Amino acid sequence: MTKKFISITCGLLLLLASSMQAQSDYNPNLPPDPTPPVVKHALTVVCEPAAAGTASGKGTYEAGTSVTVATSPYAEYTFSHWMLNGERYEAATSKSFSYTTVAGEMNFVAVYDYTPTPFEPSNPSDPFADVKSRLYLTSEPAGVCSFGQTSGEGWVVDSYVPVSVTNVDQQYEFEGWYLDGVRLTDVKSFSHQKAYEDETLVARFNRLPDPEPEPEVPFNPENPGDPNMSDKQENVQTHAAGDVNKDGEINVADLTAIIKCCLEVDSEGISKKLADLNADGEVNVSDITLLIRIILQAKE
């Protein structure tokens, strides 16, 4: 009985000690271990030249992610090879492949060759079929105009092709049409005789100088053409604007004269320059209104 009691007592003591140790290790104020941040890396995919086709697969990814990198060509371009970070990427030989991302720089370039399809007659077996060649149209600087024809269209050799520029940027002036650096004409529209080989016509333009700002006219309260004049005048000197009959005063006689000038009735000897109070090049109701205001202000 004594041995059994001692054994049970020792077991309880060991259990109590273990519980106390566990409680001493617990710290409610200690935060849990922080979750490590997710690091992602940029992957870019472009075409060279940019107009050769489309590319897909770009984005930001964790290292070790499987990504499909692909490209699709436009007409007259043929896929050549892939570049990765400035060096040829030998691991991929097709336009689409699976790539496992890494931690670091990932810049893919789909390189294309320009391979225009040669123009062929519709019936090559016919020895009398019309032979055609292509005519390309461009502008210098690029994008300052449109063309009345489609660039790259096939035309019968020795035929006359109507060529024209349209929608010219207002900041540019047409200089002329050039072929292989030689100016053909300085008119915007002309007929070009098509050669056997493909040709590129260049429409050249010169940028016009920026317009000079109009000089500011200083404020002159003594000018009766100014409706906001502040000085009150009873006697305006001869040849002042508004002194239509040039008698040295501005009064009802001038009002009668300016009305005749406006109606062009018996206006001989009347100065239209002095009657044009607002200096707009015409004598009209606006000038009559200004003269009435001047006369009224002079009488106040």
Protein backbone atom coordinates (compact mmCIF):
# COMPACT_ATOMS: atom_id res chain seq x y z
CA MET A 1 0.00 0.00 0.00
CA THR A 2 2.80 2.38 0.86
CA LYS A 3 4.68 1.67 -2.40
CA LYS A 4 1.55 2.20 -4.47
CA PHE A 5 0.84 5.50 -2.71
CA ILE A 6 4.39 6.68 -3.28
CA SER A 7 4.19 5.76 -6.98
CA ILE A 8 0.93 7.66 -7.46
CA THR A 9 2.30 10.67 -5.60
CA CYS A 10 5.42 10.78 -7.79
CA GLY A 11 3.30 10.61 -10.95
CA LEU A 12 1.14 13.51 -9.81
CA LEU A 13 4.21 15.60 -8.99
CA LEU A 14 5.69 14.97 -12.43
CA LEU A 15 2.40 15.93 -14.10
CA LEU A 16 2.18 19.12 -12.04
CA ALA A 17 5.77 20.09 -12.89
CA SER A 18 5.13 19.54 -16.61
CA SER A 19 2.00 21.70 -16.49
CA MET A 20 3.82 24.49 -14.68
CA GLN A 21 6.66 24.40 -17.28
CA ALA A 22 4.14 24.66 -20.14
CA GLN A 23 2.45 27.63 -18.50
CA SER A 24 5.79 29.37 -17.99
CA ASP A 25 6.58 29.05 -21.77
CA TYR A 26 3.28 30.72 -22.83
CA ASN A 27 3.46 34.48 -23.44
CA PRO A 28 0.21 36.07 -24.60
CA ASN A 29 2.00 39.33 -25.44
CA LEU A 30 4.43 37.73 -27.88
CA PRO A 31 3.13 38.14 -31.52
CA PRO A 32 3.24 35.20 -33.90
CA ASP A 33 6.08 34.89 -36.37
CA PRO A 34 5.50 37.32 -39.30
CA THR A 35 4.54 35.86 -42.67
CA PRO A 36 7.40 36.38 -45.12
CA PRO A 37 6.46 38.84 -47.94
CA VAL A 38 5.66 37.52 -51.41
CA VAL A 39 8.35 38.72 -53.83
CA LYS A 40 7.34 39.01 -57.49
CA HIS A 41 9.48 39.78 -60.50
CA ALA A 42 8.59 41.53 -63.77
CA LEU A 43 8.57 39.67 -67.07
CA THR A 44 8.27 41.63 -70.34
CA VAL A 45 7.53 40.37 -73.85
CA VAL A 46 7.83 42.63 -76.94
CA CYS A 47 8.31 42.32 -80.71
CA GLU A 48 11.18 43.68 -82.80
CA PRO A 49 10.25 45.55 -84.88
CA ALA A 50 7.24 46.62 -82.83
CA ALA A 51 4.95 46.57 -85.91
CA ALA A 52 5.83 42.95 -86.71
CA GLY A 53 3.21 41.29 -84.51
CA THR A 54 1.76 40.80 -81.04
CA ALA A 55 3.29 39.33 -77.88
CA SER A 56 1.82 37.87 -74.69
CA GLY A 57 2.94 36.55 -71.32
CA LYS A 58 4.16 39.73 -69.65
CA GLY A 59 3.36 40.34 -65.96
CA THR A 60 4.81 40.04 -62.44
CA TYR A 61 5.36 36.54 -61.07
CA GLU A 62 6.88 34.69 -58.12
CA ALA A 63 10.05 32.81 -58.92
CA GLY A 64 9.27 29.28 -60.05
CA THR A 65 5.96 30.15 -61.77
CA SER A 66 5.27 28.49 -65.12
CA VAL A 67 4.32 31.12 -67.77
CA THR A 68 3.40 30.73 -71.44
CA VAL A 69 5.36 33.21 -73.58
CA ALA A 70 3.99 33.63 -77.12
CA THR A 71 4.01 35.85 -80.19
CA SER A 72 1.91 36.10 -83.34
CA PRO A 73 3.16 37.77 -86.56
CA TYR A 74 1.40 40.23 -88.83
CA ALA A 75 1.37 39.93 -92.60
CA GLU A 76 4.74 40.18 -94.37
CA TYR A 77 6.72 39.34 -91.19
CA THR A 78 8.35 35.99 -90.33
CA PHE A 79 9.36 34.91 -86.81
CA SER A 80 13.13 34.45 -86.46
CA HIS A 81 14.14 33.80 -82.82
CA TRP A 82 13.77 34.79 -79.16
CA MET A 83 16.10 37.06 -77.16
CA LEU A 84 16.30 37.04 -73.35
CA ASN A 85 17.98 39.95 -71.58
CA GLY A 86 19.88 40.95 -74.73
CA GLU A 87 21.13 37.45 -75.62
CA ARG A 88 19.72 34.83 -77.96
CA TYR A 89 17.47 32.40 -76.07
CA GLU A 90 18.30 29.01 -77.53
CA ALA A 91 15.90 27.10 -75.27
CA ALA A 92 12.90 28.24 -77.32
CA THR A 93 12.66 27.85 -81.11
CA SER A 94 8.92 28.22 -81.66
CA LYS A 95 6.57 31.21 -81.41
CA SER A 96 5.10 29.81 -78.13
CA PHE A 97 6.80 28.07 -75.21
CA SER A 98 6.54 27.50 -71.45
CA TYR A 99 8.98 29.36 -69.23
CA THR A 100 9.66 28.96 -65.50
CA THR A 101 10.23 32.38 -63.94
CA VAL A 102 13.33 33.26 -61.95
CA ALA A 103 14.23 35.93 -59.40
CA GLY A 104 15.65 38.72 -61.50
CA GLU A 105 15.47 40.37 -64.91
CA MET A 106 13.30 38.64 -67.54
CA ASN A 107 13.00 40.60 -70.82
CA PHE A 108 11.92 38.56 -73.85
CA VAL A 109 12.06 39.92 -77.41
CA ALA A 110 10.48 38.13 -80.37
CA VAL A 111 12.70 38.99 -83.35
CA TYR A 112 11.08 39.12 -86.81
CA ASP A 113 12.31 39.37 -90.40
CA TYR A 114 10.46 41.53 -92.92
CA THR A 115 9.45 39.19 -95.76
CA PRO A 116 6.96 40.92 -98.08
CA THR A 117 5.24 38.62 -100.51
CA PRO A 118 6.28 39.43 -104.08
CA PHE A 119 3.38 40.53 -106.23
CA GLU A 120 2.42 37.99 -108.86
CA PRO A 121 0.05 38.40 -111.82
CA SER A 122 -3.37 36.83 -111.33
CA ASN A 123 -2.67 34.37 -114.14
CA PRO A 124 1.09 33.66 -114.37
CA SER A 125 0.54 31.10 -117.09
CA ASP A 126 -0.69 33.87 -119.40
CA PRO A 127 2.39 35.38 -121.10
CA PHE A 128 0.39 38.52 -121.88
CA ALA A 129 -0.81 39.08 -118.32
CA ASP A 130 -0.24 42.64 -117.02
CA VAL A 131 2.88 42.85 -114.91
CA LYS A 132 2.44 44.82 -111.71
CA SER A 133 4.74 46.31 -109.09
CA ARG A 134 4.06 47.94 -105.75
CA LEU A 135 4.01 51.65 -104.94
CA TYR A 136 4.66 52.62 -101.31
CA LEU A 137 3.82 56.10 -99.96
CA THR A 138 5.37 57.79 -96.94
CA SER A 139 5.94 61.29 -95.56
CA GLU A 140 8.82 63.22 -93.99
CA PRO A 141 8.23 64.01 -91.16
CA ALA A 142 6.10 60.92 -90.65
CA GLY A 143 2.41 61.31 -89.87
CA VAL A 144 1.87 64.90 -91.05
CA CYS A 145 -0.57 63.93 -93.83
CA SER A 146 -2.77 61.23 -95.31
CA PHE A 147 -2.70 59.83 -98.83
CA GLY A 148 -5.41 59.48 -101.42
CA GLN A 149 -4.14 55.99 -102.29
CA THR A 150 -3.27 52.84 -100.34
CA SER A 151 0.44 52.45 -99.70
CA GLY A 152 1.85 49.15 -101.03
CA GLU A 153 -0.84 48.61 -103.65
CA GLY A 154 0.12 46.89 -106.90
CA TRP A 155 -0.08 48.85 -110.16
CA VAL A 156 0.40 47.84 -113.78
CA VAL A 157 3.90 48.69 -115.00
CA ASP A 158 4.03 51.81 -117.21
CA SER A 159 0.54 52.86 -116.13
CA TYR A 160 -0.03 56.31 -114.61
CA VAL A 161 -0.89 56.21 -110.90
CA PRO A 162 -2.81 59.20 -109.38
CA VAL A 163 -0.91 60.23 -106.24
CA SER A 164 -2.06 62.87 -103.74
CA VAL A 165 -1.67 64.07 -100.14
CA THR A 166 -4.66 64.99 -97.97
CA ASN A 167 -5.35 66.17 -94.41
CA VAL A 168 -2.03 68.03 -94.14
CA ASP A 169 -1.08 69.22 -90.66
CA GLN A 170 -1.58 73.01 -90.57
CA GLN A 171 1.86 73.46 -89.02
CA TYR A 172 3.56 72.10 -92.15
CA GLU A 173 3.99 73.24 -95.75
CA PHE A 174 4.23 70.77 -98.65
CA GLU A 175 7.63 70.81 -100.37
CA GLY A 176 7.32 68.11 -103.02
CA TRP A 177 7.26 64.43 -104.02
CA TYR A 178 10.62 62.64 -103.99
CA LEU A 179 11.81 59.33 -105.47
CA ASP A 180 15.25 58.04 -104.44
CA GLY A 181 16.13 61.55 -103.20
CA VAL A 182 15.16 63.28 -106.45
CA ARG A 183 12.21 65.68 -106.45
CA LEU A 184 9.60 64.75 -109.05
CA THR A 185 7.16 67.62 -108.55
CA ASP A 186 6.13 70.32 -106.07
CA VAL A 187 2.36 69.84 -106.50
CA LYS A 188 0.34 67.81 -104.03
CA SER A 189 -1.47 65.72 -106.67
CA PHE A 190 0.11 64.29 -109.81
CA SER A 191 0.22 61.15 -111.99
CA HIS A 192 3.25 58.92 -111.50
CA GLN A 193 4.33 56.50 -114.24
CA LYS A 194 4.89 53.13 -112.55
CA ALA A 195 8.25 51.46 -113.02
CA TYR A 196 8.85 47.72 -113.21
CA GLU A 197 10.37 47.51 -109.73
CA ASP A 198 8.70 48.38 -106.42
CA GLU A 199 9.00 52.09 -105.56
CA THR A 200 8.61 54.36 -102.54
CA LEU A 201 7.41 57.93 -103.06
CA VAL A 202 8.20 60.37 -100.23
CA ALA A 203 6.06 63.46 -99.60
CA ARG A 204 8.33 66.00 -97.89
CA PHE A 205 7.09 68.86 -95.72
CA ASN A 206 8.67 71.90 -94.06
CA ARG A 207 7.50 73.11 -90.67
CA LEU A 208 6.07 76.62 -90.77
CA PRO A 209 7.48 79.21 -88.33
CA ASP A 210 5.41 79.88 -85.26
CA PRO A 211 3.22 82.99 -85.70
CA GLU A 212 4.51 86.11 -83.98
CA PRO A 213 2.31 87.33 -81.12
CA GLU A 214 0.26 90.41 -81.89
CA PRO A 215 1.66 93.55 -80.21
CA GLU A 216 -0.31 94.82 -77.27
CA VAL A 217 -2.13 98.11 -77.85
CA PRO A 218 -1.56 100.44 -74.87
CA PHE A 219 -4.68 101.79 -73.20
CA ASN A 220 -5.45 105.37 -74.21
CA PRO A 221 -8.46 106.98 -72.44
CA GLU A 222 -8.34 109.90 -74.87
CA ASN A 223 -9.16 107.60 -77.77
CA PRO A 224 -12.95 107.90 -78.39
CA GLY A 225 -12.85 104.47 -79.95
CA ASP A 226 -12.47 103.06 -76.44
CA PRO A 227 -16.00 102.54 -74.98
CA ASN A 228 -14.54 102.56 -71.46
CA MET A 229 -12.91 106.00 -71.73
CA SER A 230 -12.64 107.75 -68.41
CA ASP A 231 -11.96 111.37 -69.48
CA LYS A 232 -14.96 113.61 -70.23
CA GLN A 233 -14.35 115.88 -73.16
CA GLU A 234 -16.49 118.72 -74.41
CA ASN A 235 -14.22 119.84 -77.17
CA VAL A 236 -12.17 117.20 -78.99
CA GLN A 237 -9.38 118.44 -81.20
CA THR A 238 -9.66 118.32 -84.98
CA HIS A 239 -8.88 114.94 -86.57
CA ALA A 240 -9.69 113.07 -83.35
CA ALA A 241 -11.58 109.82 -83.89
CA GLY A 242 -15.26 110.74 -83.89
CA ASP A 243 -14.76 114.21 -85.33
CA VAL A 244 -16.22 112.93 -88.59
CA ASN A 245 -16.80 116.35 -90.17
CA LYS A 246 -13.40 117.62 -88.96
CA ASP A 247 -14.77 120.83 -87.43
CA GLY A 248 -12.76 120.48 -84.20
CA GLU A 249 -15.71 119.27 -82.09
CA ILE A 250 -17.59 116.05 -81.54
CA ASN A 251 -21.31 116.72 -81.48
CA VAL A 252 -24.63 116.00 -83.18
CA ALA A 253 -23.22 117.22 -86.50
CA ASP A 254 -20.73 114.37 -86.37
CA LEU A 255 -23.56 111.96 -85.55
CA THR A 256 -25.40 113.08 -88.68
CA ALA A 257 -22.21 112.70 -90.70
CA ILE A 258 -21.46 109.20 -89.42
CA ILE A 259 -25.01 108.07 -90.22
CA LYS A 260 -24.55 109.36 -93.80
CA CYS A 261 -21.23 107.57 -93.95
CA CYS A 262 -22.83 104.36 -92.72
CA LEU A 263 -25.64 104.63 -95.29
CA GLU A 264 -23.22 105.93 -97.94
CA VAL A 265 -25.62 108.80 -98.65
CA ASP A 266 -24.13 112.23 -99.41
CA SER A 267 -20.93 111.24 -97.57
CA GLU A 268 -18.53 113.29 -99.65
CA GLY A 269 -15.89 115.03 -97.54
CA ILE A 270 -16.54 112.76 -94.53
CA SER A 271 -13.53 110.90 -93.11
CA LYS A 272 -14.36 107.20 -92.95
CA LYS A 273 -11.15 106.64 -90.99
CA LEU A 274 -12.33 109.00 -88.24
CA ALA A 275 -15.84 107.52 -88.43
CA ASP A 276 -14.50 104.00 -87.82
CA LEU A 277 -14.41 104.40 -84.05
CA ASN A 278 -13.84 100.75 -83.18
CA ALA A 279 -11.18 100.36 -85.90
CA ASP A 280 -12.73 97.23 -87.39
CA GLY A 281 -12.41 98.48 -90.97
CA GLU A 282 -16.12 99.23 -91.35
CA VAL A 283 -18.48 102.10 -90.52
CA ASN A 284 -21.64 100.62 -89.08
CA VAL A 285 -24.13 100.74 -86.21
CA SER A 286 -21.38 99.88 -83.69
CA ASP A 287 -19.54 103.09 -84.56
CA ILE A 288 -22.78 105.13 -84.29
CA THR A 289 -23.39 103.67 -80.82
CA LEU A 290 -19.88 104.58 -79.68
CA LEU A 291 -20.22 108.16 -80.98
CA ILE A 292 -23.55 108.62 -79.15
CA ARG A 293 -21.87 107.48 -75.94
CA ILE A 294 -19.01 109.95 -76.43
CA ILE A 295 -21.40 112.85 -77.06
CA LEU A 296 -23.48 111.99 -73.96
CA GLN A 297 -20.40 111.72 -71.76
CA ALA A 298 -19.17 115.11 -72.99
CA LYS A 299 -22.46 116.73 -71.91
CA GLU A 300 -22.45 115.28 -68.39
